Each structure stands twice: as structure tokens, then as C-alpha cells.
Amino acid sequence: MKLDFAGDCSVSVAAEVKARLLEAYASSEPVEVGFAGVSALDMSFFELLHAAKKTFAENGREIVFQSDLPEEFSQAAAWAGWGGLCGDS
């Protein structure tokens, strides 16, 4: 299952982001997440991604984050410990 995030991914849409991640988890398919279309984000987005990754791992599921986070968010990703989202590891 391919899950692409685009537009605003800040706290104002956190419930929607969480619902999309839960829907992906409920599928039995492998999950790949893309970020190329993200135009706004905050720490709540990274927290939801972290929770999703942890939940998938704890249940023997794999979730793959593509390294396509827009460049303008790479500093925030690195600060949050998510530099790998930008292709930095």
C-alpha cells in the first residue's frame, strides 16, 4: 500500500494523519510512505510517524519511509531525529 502525504501535515490535521496511518496498518499489505507533497509540518507529524513505525515493528509489520521529504523540512526532520526521512540517515 502506498501512502503519500501532501499539503499541511501539522497538528491541525493530526487526526487525519493518524487515521490514514491506522488505515494503512489495518491493511495486510506492505506500507510505503511518501512525503514529496508536504507543504507544512510540525513535531506532531514526526511523533505520529514514530508511533506508527513502533506499532508496525512491535507487530512484525514493516513500514518504509521514502527519502523524499522536501528540502525545506530537512532541518526539522534532523532535529526531531528523523534525518533519514530526508535521505540523511
PDB file of N, CA and C in Angstrom:
ATOM      1  N   MET A   1       0.856  -1.172   0.000  1.00  0.00           N
ATOM      2  CA  MET A   1       0.000   0.000   0.000  1.00  0.00           C
ATOM      3  C   MET A   1       0.898   1.230   0.000  1.00  0.00           C
ATOM      4  N   LYS A   2       0.628   2.152  -0.894  1.00  0.00           N
ATOM      5  CA  LYS A   2       1.380   3.403  -0.973  1.00  0.00           C
ATOM      6  C   LYS A   2       0.573   4.486  -0.285  1.00  0.00           C
ATOM      7  N   LEU A   3       1.201   5.177   0.637  1.00  0.00           N
ATOM      8  CA  LEU A   3       0.557   6.243   1.390  1.00  0.00           C
ATOM      9  C   LEU A   3       1.384   7.506   1.172  1.00  0.00           C
ATOM     10  N   ASP A   4       0.818   8.474   0.456  1.00  0.00           N
ATOM     11  CA  ASP A   4       1.518   9.724   0.181  1.00  0.00           C
ATOM     12  C   ASP A   4       0.900  10.843   0.988  1.00  0.00           C
ATOM     13  N   PHE A   5       1.748  11.560   1.696  1.00  0.00           N
ATOM     14  CA  PHE A   5       1.288  12.737   2.427  1.00  0.00           C
ATOM     15  C   PHE A   5       1.591  13.968   1.601  1.00  0.00           C
ATOM     16  N   ALA A   6       0.649  14.905   1.606  1.00  0.00           N
ATOM     17  CA  ALA A   6       0.805  16.144   0.852  1.00  0.00           C
ATOM     18  C   ALA A   6       0.094  17.264   1.592  1.00  0.00           C
ATOM     19  N   GLY A   7       0.502  18.489   1.297  1.00  0.00           N
ATOM     20  CA  GLY A   7      -0.146  19.640   1.907  1.00  0.00           C
ATOM     21  C   GLY A   7       0.244  19.803   3.358  1.00  0.00           C
ATOM     22  N   ASP A   8      -0.699  20.264   4.137  1.00  0.00           N
ATOM     23  CA  ASP A   8      -0.491  20.543   5.557  1.00  0.00           C
ATOM     24  C   ASP A   8      -0.477  19.244   6.362  1.00  0.00           C
ATOM     25  N   CYS A   9       0.606  19.012   7.062  1.00  0.00           N
ATOM     26  CA  CYS A   9       0.732  17.841   7.937  1.00  0.00           C
ATOM     27  C   CYS A   9       1.073  18.294   9.350  1.00  0.00           C
ATOM     28  N   SER A  10       0.429  19.367   9.778  1.00  0.00           N
ATOM     29  CA  SER A  10       0.676  19.914  11.110  1.00  0.00           C
ATOM     30  C   SER A  10      -0.406  19.436  12.073  1.00  0.00           C
ATOM     31  N   VAL A  11      -0.346  19.926  13.293  1.00  0.00           N
ATOM     32  CA  VAL A  11      -1.261  19.493  14.340  1.00  0.00           C
ATOM     33  C   VAL A  11      -2.730  19.719  13.952  1.00  0.00           C
ATOM     34  N   SER A  12      -2.992  20.684  13.097  1.00  0.00           N
ATOM     35  CA  SER A  12      -4.379  20.959  12.704  1.00  0.00           C
ATOM     36  C   SER A  12      -5.015  19.797  11.939  1.00  0.00           C
ATOM     37  N   VAL A  13      -4.200  18.923  11.373  1.00  0.00           N
ATOM     38  CA  VAL A  13      -4.730  17.758  10.651  1.00  0.00           C
ATOM     39  C   VAL A  13      -4.189  16.452  11.234  1.00  0.00           C
ATOM     40  N   ALA A  14      -3.715  16.498  12.472  1.00  0.00           N
ATOM     41  CA  ALA A  14      -3.122  15.311  13.097  1.00  0.00           C
ATOM     42  C   ALA A  14      -4.097  14.136  13.146  1.00  0.00           C
ATOM     43  N   ALA A  15      -5.363  14.402  13.405  1.00  0.00           N
ATOM     44  CA  ALA A  15      -6.343  13.310  13.459  1.00  0.00           C
ATOM     45  C   ALA A  15      -6.467  12.626  12.100  1.00  0.00           C
ATOM     46  N   GLU A  16      -6.409  13.398  11.043  1.00  0.00           N
ATOM     47  CA  GLU A  16      -6.484  12.830   9.691  1.00  0.00           C
ATOM     48  C   GLU A  16      -5.228  12.023   9.366  1.00  0.00           C
ATOM     49  N   VAL A  17      -4.071  12.554   9.742  1.00  0.00           N
ATOM     50  CA  VAL A  17      -2.812  11.834   9.527  1.00  0.00           C
ATOM     51  C   VAL A  17      -2.846  10.510  10.279  1.00  0.00           C
ATOM     52  N   LYS A  18      -3.275  10.552  11.530  1.00  0.00           N
ATOM     53  CA  LYS A  18      -3.363   9.335  12.337  1.00  0.00           C
ATOM     54  C   LYS A  18      -4.326   8.333  11.703  1.00  0.00           C
ATOM     55  N   ALA A  19      -5.474   8.804  11.242  1.00  0.00           N
ATOM     56  CA  ALA A  19      -6.460   7.915  10.617  1.00  0.00           C
ATOM     57  C   ALA A  19      -5.880   7.242   9.373  1.00  0.00           C
ATOM     58  N   ARG A  20      -5.131   7.974   8.582  1.00  0.00           N
ATOM     59  CA  ARG A  20      -4.523   7.399   7.373  1.00  0.00           C
ATOM     60  C   ARG A  20      -3.485   6.341   7.743  1.00  0.00           C
ATOM     61  N   LEU A  21      -2.699   6.614   8.789  1.00  0.00           N
ATOM     62  CA  LEU A  21      -1.715   5.632   9.227  1.00  0.00           C
ATOM     63  C   LEU A  21      -2.391   4.384   9.782  1.00  0.00           C
ATOM     64  N   LEU A  22      -3.476   4.562  10.523  1.00  0.00           N
ATOM     65  CA  LEU A  22      -4.214   3.412  11.055  1.00  0.00           C
ATOM     66  C   LEU A  22      -4.851   2.592   9.938  1.00  0.00           C
ATOM     67  N   GLU A  23      -5.355   3.266   8.923  1.00  0.00           N
ATOM     68  CA  GLU A  23      -5.934   2.571   7.768  1.00  0.00           C
ATOM     69  C   GLU A  23      -4.858   1.741   7.067  1.00  0.00           C
ATOM     70  N   ALA A  24      -3.678   2.306   6.930  1.00  0.00           N
ATOM     71  CA  ALA A  24      -2.572   1.578   6.318  1.00  0.00           C
ATOM     72  C   ALA A  24      -2.198   0.366   7.172  1.00  0.00           C
ATOM     73  N   TYR A  25      -2.180   0.545   8.476  1.00  0.00           N
ATOM     74  CA  TYR A  25      -1.859  -0.562   9.374  1.00  0.00           C
ATOM     75  C   TYR A  25      -2.902  -1.677   9.272  1.00  0.00           C
ATOM     76  N   ALA A  26      -4.160  -1.289   9.121  1.00  0.00           N
ATOM     77  CA  ALA A  26      -5.242  -2.275   9.054  1.00  0.00           C
ATOM     78  C   ALA A  26      -5.179  -3.127   7.791  1.00  0.00           C
ATOM     79  N   SER A  27      -4.552  -2.604   6.756  1.00  0.00           N
ATOM     80  CA  SER A  27      -4.400  -3.405   5.534  1.00  0.00           C
ATOM     81  C   SER A  27      -3.344  -4.467   5.801  1.00  0.00           C
ATOM     82  N   SER A  28      -3.394  -5.531   5.082  1.00  0.00           N
ATOM     83  CA  SER A  28      -2.384  -6.574   5.272  1.00  0.00           C
ATOM     84  C   SER A  28      -1.223  -6.393   4.302  1.00  0.00           C
ATOM     85  N   GLU A  29      -1.245  -5.333   3.539  1.00  0.00           N
ATOM     86  CA  GLU A  29      -0.219  -5.078   2.540  1.00  0.00           C
ATOM     87  C   GLU A  29       1.013  -4.415   3.169  1.00  0.00           C
ATOM     88  N   PRO A  30       2.165  -4.554   2.518  1.00  0.00           N
ATOM     89  CA  PRO A  30       3.327  -3.757   2.941  1.00  0.00           C
ATOM     90  C   PRO A  30       2.995  -2.284   2.746  1.00  0.00           C
ATOM     91  N   VAL A  31       3.539  -1.422   3.589  1.00  0.00           N
ATOM     92  CA  VAL A  31       3.215   0.008   3.539  1.00  0.00           C
ATOM     93  C   VAL A  31       4.469   0.812   3.223  1.00  0.00           C
ATOM     94  N   GLU A  32       4.337   1.678   2.228  1.00  0.00           N
ATOM     95  CA  GLU A  32       5.397   2.600   1.839  1.00  0.00           C
ATOM     96  C   GLU A  32       4.826   4.007   1.921  1.00  0.00           C
ATOM     97  N   VAL A  33       5.546   4.890   2.633  1.00  0.00           N
ATOM     98  CA  VAL A  33       5.045   6.241   2.877  1.00  0.00           C
ATOM     99  C   VAL A  33       5.915   7.269   2.159  1.00  0.00           C
ATOM    100  N   GLY A  34       5.257   8.170   1.419  1.00  0.00           N
ATOM    101  CA  GLY A  34       5.956   9.236   0.716  1.00  0.00           C
ATOM    102  C   GLY A  34       5.591  10.596   1.282  1.00  0.00           C
ATOM    103  N   PHE A  35       6.514  11.537   1.124  1.00  0.00           N
ATOM    104  CA  PHE A  35       6.353  12.869   1.710  1.00  0.00           C
ATOM    105  C   PHE A  35       6.554  14.011   0.718  1.00  0.00           C
ATOM    106  N   ALA A  36       6.735  13.716  -0.555  1.00  0.00           N
ATOM    107  CA  ALA A  36       7.134  14.723  -1.545  1.00  0.00           C
ATOM    108  C   ALA A  36       6.199  15.929  -1.602  1.00  0.00           C
ATOM    109  N   GLY A  37       4.924  15.743  -1.353  1.00  0.00           N
ATOM    110  CA  GLY A  37       3.970  16.842  -1.472  1.00  0.00           C
ATOM    111  C   GLY A  37       3.701  17.621  -0.201  1.00  0.00           C
ATOM    112  N   VAL A  38       4.450  17.350   0.860  1.00  0.00           N
ATOM    113  CA  VAL A  38       4.218  18.038   2.129  1.00  0.00           C
ATOM    114  C   VAL A  38       4.616  19.511   1.999  1.00  0.00           C
ATOM    115  N   SER A  39       3.692  20.400   2.405  1.00  0.00           N
ATOM    116  CA  SER A  39       3.974  21.833   2.323  1.00  0.00           C
ATOM    117  C   SER A  39       4.071  22.494   3.699  1.00  0.00           C
ATOM    118  N   ALA A  40       3.636  21.802   4.739  1.00  0.00           N
ATOM    119  CA  ALA A  40       3.724  22.311   6.105  1.00  0.00           C
ATOM    120  C   ALA A  40       3.713  21.121   7.053  1.00  0.00           C
ATOM    121  N   LEU A  41       4.513  21.211   8.109  1.00  0.00           N
ATOM    122  CA  LEU A  41       4.510  20.152   9.120  1.00  0.00           C
ATOM    123  C   LEU A  41       5.011  20.720  10.423  1.00  0.00           C
ATOM    124  N   ASP A  42       4.821  19.959  11.482  1.00  0.00           N
ATOM    125  CA  ASP A  42       5.342  20.317  12.787  1.00  0.00           C
ATOM    126  C   ASP A  42       5.697  19.027  13.518  1.00  0.00           C
ATOM    127  N   MET A  43       6.068  19.146  14.757  1.00  0.00           N
ATOM    128  CA  MET A  43       6.539  17.981  15.505  1.00  0.00           C
ATOM    129  C   MET A  43       5.475  16.903  15.653  1.00  0.00           C
ATOM    130  N   SER A  44       4.198  17.281  15.637  1.00  0.00           N
ATOM    131  CA  SER A  44       3.141  16.275  15.769  1.00  0.00           C
ATOM    132  C   SER A  44       3.216  15.249  14.633  1.00  0.00           C
ATOM    133  N   PHE A  45       3.605  15.699  13.445  1.00  0.00           N
ATOM    134  CA  PHE A  45       3.728  14.795  12.305  1.00  0.00           C
ATOM    135  C   PHE A  45       4.817  13.758  12.564  1.00  0.00           C
ATOM    136  N   PHE A  46       5.980  14.212  13.026  1.00  0.00           N
ATOM    137  CA  PHE A  46       7.070  13.279  13.324  1.00  0.00           C
ATOM    138  C   PHE A  46       6.694  12.329  14.456  1.00  0.00           C
ATOM    139  N   GLU A  47       5.963  12.823  15.442  1.00  0.00           N
ATOM    140  CA  GLU A  47       5.533  11.961  16.548  1.00  0.00           C
ATOM    141  C   GLU A  47       4.595  10.862  16.054  1.00  0.00           C
ATOM    142  N   LEU A  48       3.683  11.206  15.146  1.00  0.00           N
ATOM    143  CA  LEU A  48       2.779  10.200  14.592  1.00  0.00           C
ATOM    144  C   LEU A  48       3.544   9.175  13.762  1.00  0.00           C
ATOM    145  N   LEU A  49       4.530   9.632  12.987  1.00  0.00           N
ATOM    146  CA  LEU A  49       5.340   8.695  12.205  1.00  0.00           C
ATOM    147  C   LEU A  49       6.128   7.765  13.115  1.00  0.00           C
ATOM    148  N   HIS A  50       6.679   8.308  14.185  1.00  0.00           N
ATOM    149  CA  HIS A  50       7.421   7.490  15.138  1.00  0.00           C
ATOM    150  C   HIS A  50       6.503   6.433  15.763  1.00  0.00           C
ATOM    151  N   ALA A  51       5.317   6.842  16.172  1.00  0.00           N
ATOM    152  CA  ALA A  51       4.360   5.902  16.773  1.00  0.00           C
ATOM    153  C   ALA A  51       3.970   4.811  15.774  1.00  0.00           C
ATOM    154  N   ALA A  52       3.768   5.208  14.525  1.00  0.00           N
ATOM    155  CA  ALA A  52       3.405   4.226  13.501  1.00  0.00           C
ATOM    156  C   ALA A  52       4.532   3.218  13.303  1.00  0.00           C
ATOM    157  N   LYS A  53       5.754   3.714  13.186  1.00  0.00           N
ATOM    158  CA  LYS A  53       6.893   2.819  12.986  1.00  0.00           C
ATOM    159  C   LYS A  53       7.023   1.840  14.149  1.00  0.00           C
ATOM    160  N   LYS A  54       6.855   2.340  15.355  1.00  0.00           N
ATOM    161  CA  LYS A  54       6.945   1.494  16.544  1.00  0.00           C
ATOM    162  C   LYS A  54       5.836   0.436  16.551  1.00  0.00           C
ATOM    163  N   THR A  55       4.621   0.848  16.259  1.00  0.00           N
ATOM    164  CA  THR A  55       3.485  -0.082  16.244  1.00  0.00           C
ATOM    165  C   THR A  55       3.671  -1.161  15.182  1.00  0.00           C
ATOM    166  N   PHE A  56       4.096  -0.751  13.997  1.00  0.00           N
ATOM    167  CA  PHE A  56       4.338  -1.729  12.938  1.00  0.00           C
ATOM    168  C   PHE A  56       5.399  -2.724  13.380  1.00  0.00           C
ATOM    169  N   ALA A  57       6.518  -2.231  13.902  1.00  0.00           N
ATOM    170  CA  ALA A  57       7.622  -3.101  14.311  1.00  0.00           C
ATOM    171  C   ALA A  57       7.216  -4.060  15.422  1.00  0.00           C
ATOM    172  N   GLU A  58       6.481  -3.560  16.398  1.00  0.00           N
ATOM    173  CA  GLU A  58       6.054  -4.399  17.527  1.00  0.00           C
ATOM    174  C   GLU A  58       5.138  -5.534  17.083  1.00  0.00           C
ATOM    175  N   ASN A  59       4.518  -5.376  15.927  1.00  0.00           N
ATOM    176  CA  ASN A  59       3.582  -6.378  15.442  1.00  0.00           C
ATOM    177  C   ASN A  59       4.087  -7.102  14.202  1.00  0.00           C
ATOM    178  N   GLY A  60       5.409  -7.047  14.008  1.00  0.00           N
ATOM    179  CA  GLY A  60       6.017  -7.783  12.905  1.00  0.00           C
ATOM    180  C   GLY A  60       5.668  -7.254  11.527  1.00  0.00           C
ATOM    181  N   ARG A  61       5.284  -6.007  11.455  1.00  0.00           N
ATOM    182  CA  ARG A  61       4.923  -5.387  10.166  1.00  0.00           C
ATOM    183  C   ARG A  61       6.013  -4.401   9.777  1.00  0.00           C
ATOM    184  N   GLU A  62       6.137  -4.171   8.497  1.00  0.00           N
ATOM    185  CA  GLU A  62       7.135  -3.219   8.023  1.00  0.00           C
ATOM    186  C   GLU A  62       6.453  -1.995   7.417  1.00  0.00           C
ATOM    187  N   ILE A  63       6.973  -0.842   7.762  1.00  0.00           N
ATOM    188  CA  ILE A  63       6.543   0.408   7.156  1.00  0.00           C
ATOM    189  C   ILE A  63       7.823   1.084   6.662  1.00  0.00           C
ATOM    190  N   VAL A  64       7.825   1.475   5.408  1.00  0.00           N
ATOM    191  CA  VAL A  64       9.003   2.068   4.791  1.00  0.00           C
ATOM    192  C   VAL A  64       8.725   3.536   4.506  1.00  0.00           C
ATOM    193  N   PHE A  65       9.616   4.403   4.993  1.00  0.00           N
ATOM    194  CA  PHE A  65       9.512   5.833   4.735  1.00  0.00           C
ATOM    195  C   PHE A  65      10.452   6.190   3.591  1.00  0.00           C
ATOM    196  N   GLN A  66       9.899   6.755   2.522  1.00  0.00           N
ATOM    197  CA  GLN A  66      10.734   7.197   1.410  1.00  0.00           C
ATOM    198  C   GLN A  66      11.573   8.403   1.833  1.00  0.00           C
ATOM    199  N   SER A  67      12.661   8.614   1.143  1.00  0.00           N
ATOM    200  CA  SER A  67      13.557   9.734   1.441  1.00  0.00           C
ATOM    201  C   SER A  67      13.236  10.922   0.537  1.00  0.00           C
ATOM    202  N   ASP A  68      11.970  11.322   0.523  1.00  0.00           N
ATOM    203  CA  ASP A  68      11.564  12.393  -0.387  1.00  0.00           C
ATOM    204  C   ASP A  68      10.928  13.589   0.322  1.00  0.00           C
ATOM    205  N   LEU A  69      11.274  13.764   1.595  1.00  0.00           N
ATOM    206  CA  LEU A  69      10.775  14.922   2.333  1.00  0.00           C
ATOM    207  C   LEU A  69      11.340  16.184   1.688  1.00  0.00           C
ATOM    208  N   PRO A  70      10.506  17.189   1.387  1.00  0.00           N
ATOM    209  CA  PRO A  70      11.029  18.414   0.767  1.00  0.00           C
ATOM    210  C   PRO A  70      12.175  19.017   1.572  1.00  0.00           C
ATOM    211  N   GLU A  71      13.152  19.522   0.853  1.00  0.00           N
ATOM    212  CA  GLU A  71      14.385  20.048   1.445  1.00  0.00           C
ATOM    213  C   GLU A  71      14.144  21.049   2.565  1.00  0.00           C
ATOM    214  N   GLU A  72      13.126  21.892   2.418  1.00  0.00           N
ATOM    215  CA  GLU A  72      12.904  22.921   3.440  1.00  0.00           C
ATOM    216  C   GLU A  72      12.544  22.355   4.812  1.00  0.00           C
ATOM    217  N   PHE A  73      12.213  21.066   4.866  1.00  0.00           N
ATOM    218  CA  PHE A  73      11.870  20.444   6.147  1.00  0.00           C
ATOM    219  C   PHE A  73      12.981  19.545   6.680  1.00  0.00           C
ATOM    220  N   SER A  74      14.080  19.468   5.960  1.00  0.00           N
ATOM    221  CA  SER A  74      15.137  18.543   6.371  1.00  0.00           C
ATOM    222  C   SER A  74      15.751  18.911   7.721  1.00  0.00           C
ATOM    223  N   GLN A  75      15.874  20.204   8.006  1.00  0.00           N
ATOM    224  CA  GLN A  75      16.436  20.612   9.302  1.00  0.00           C
ATOM    225  C   GLN A  75      15.509  20.195  10.446  1.00  0.00           C
ATOM    226  N   ALA A  76      14.203  20.395  10.268  1.00  0.00           N
ATOM    227  CA  ALA A  76      13.247  19.976  11.292  1.00  0.00           C
ATOM    228  C   ALA A  76      13.278  18.465  11.470  1.00  0.00           C
ATOM    229  N   ALA A  77      13.396  17.742  10.366  1.00  0.00           N
ATOM    230  CA  ALA A  77      13.457  16.281  10.444  1.00  0.00           C
ATOM    231  C   ALA A  77      14.701  15.839  11.200  1.00  0.00           C
ATOM    232  N   ALA A  78      15.836  16.445  10.891  1.00  0.00           N
ATOM    233  CA  ALA A  78      17.075  16.083  11.576  1.00  0.00           C
ATOM    234  C   ALA A  78      16.990  16.413  13.062  1.00  0.00           C
ATOM    235  N   TRP A  79      16.444  17.567  13.389  1.00  0.00           N
ATOM    236  CA  TRP A  79      16.301  17.982  14.784  1.00  0.00           C
ATOM    237  C   TRP A  79      15.429  17.001  15.559  1.00  0.00           C
ATOM    238  N   ALA A  80      14.397  16.465  14.896  1.00  0.00           N
ATOM    239  CA  ALA A  80      13.480  15.530  15.535  1.00  0.00           C
ATOM    240  C   ALA A  80      14.023  14.101  15.543  1.00  0.00           C
ATOM    241  N   GLY A  81      15.209  13.905  14.972  1.00  0.00           N
ATOM    242  CA  GLY A  81      15.767  12.558  14.919  1.00  0.00           C
ATOM    243  C   GLY A  81      15.288  11.767  13.716  1.00  0.00           C
ATOM    244  N   TRP A  82      14.705  12.457  12.752  1.00  0.00           N
ATOM    245  CA  TRP A  82      14.182  11.809  11.562  1.00  0.00           C
ATOM    246  C   TRP A  82      14.957  12.206  10.322  1.00  0.00           C
ATOM    247  N   GLY A  83      16.255  12.430  10.450  1.00  0.00           N
ATOM    248  CA  GLY A  83      17.057  12.796   9.300  1.00  0.00           C
ATOM    249  C   GLY A  83      16.948  11.807   8.163  1.00  0.00           C
ATOM    250  N   GLY A  84      16.694  10.547   8.464  1.00  0.00           N
ATOM    251  CA  GLY A  84      16.539   9.527   7.425  1.00  0.00           C
ATOM    252  C   GLY A  84      15.394   9.786   6.475  1.00  0.00           C
ATOM    253  N   LEU A  85      14.423  10.555   6.910  1.00  0.00           N
ATOM    254  CA  LEU A  85      13.328  10.904   6.008  1.00  0.00           C
ATOM    255  C   LEU A  85      13.830  11.726   4.827  1.00  0.00           C
ATOM    256  N   CYS A  86      14.898  12.436   5.053  1.00  0.00           N
ATOM    257  CA  CYS A  86      15.450  13.325   4.019  1.00  0.00           C
ATOM    258  C   CYS A  86      16.533  12.640   3.218  1.00  0.00           C
ATOM    259  N   GLY A  87      16.806  11.415   3.518  1.00  0.00           N
ATOM    260  CA  GLY A  87      17.892  10.718   2.846  1.00  0.00           C
ATOM    261  C   GLY A  87      19.214  10.856   3.564  1.00  0.00           C
ATOM    262  N   ASP A  88      19.242  11.503   4.718  1.00  0.00           N
ATOM    263  CA  ASP A  88      20.488  11.674   5.517  1.00  0.00           C
ATOM    264  C   ASP A  88      20.749  10.515   6.453  1.00  0.00           C
ATOM    265  N   SER A  89      20.294   9.686   6.909  1.00  0.00           N
ATOM    266  CA  SER A  89      20.384   8.756   7.984  1.00  0.00           C
ATOM    267  C   SER A  89      20.941   9.332   9.173  1.00  0.00           C
TER     268      SER A  89
END
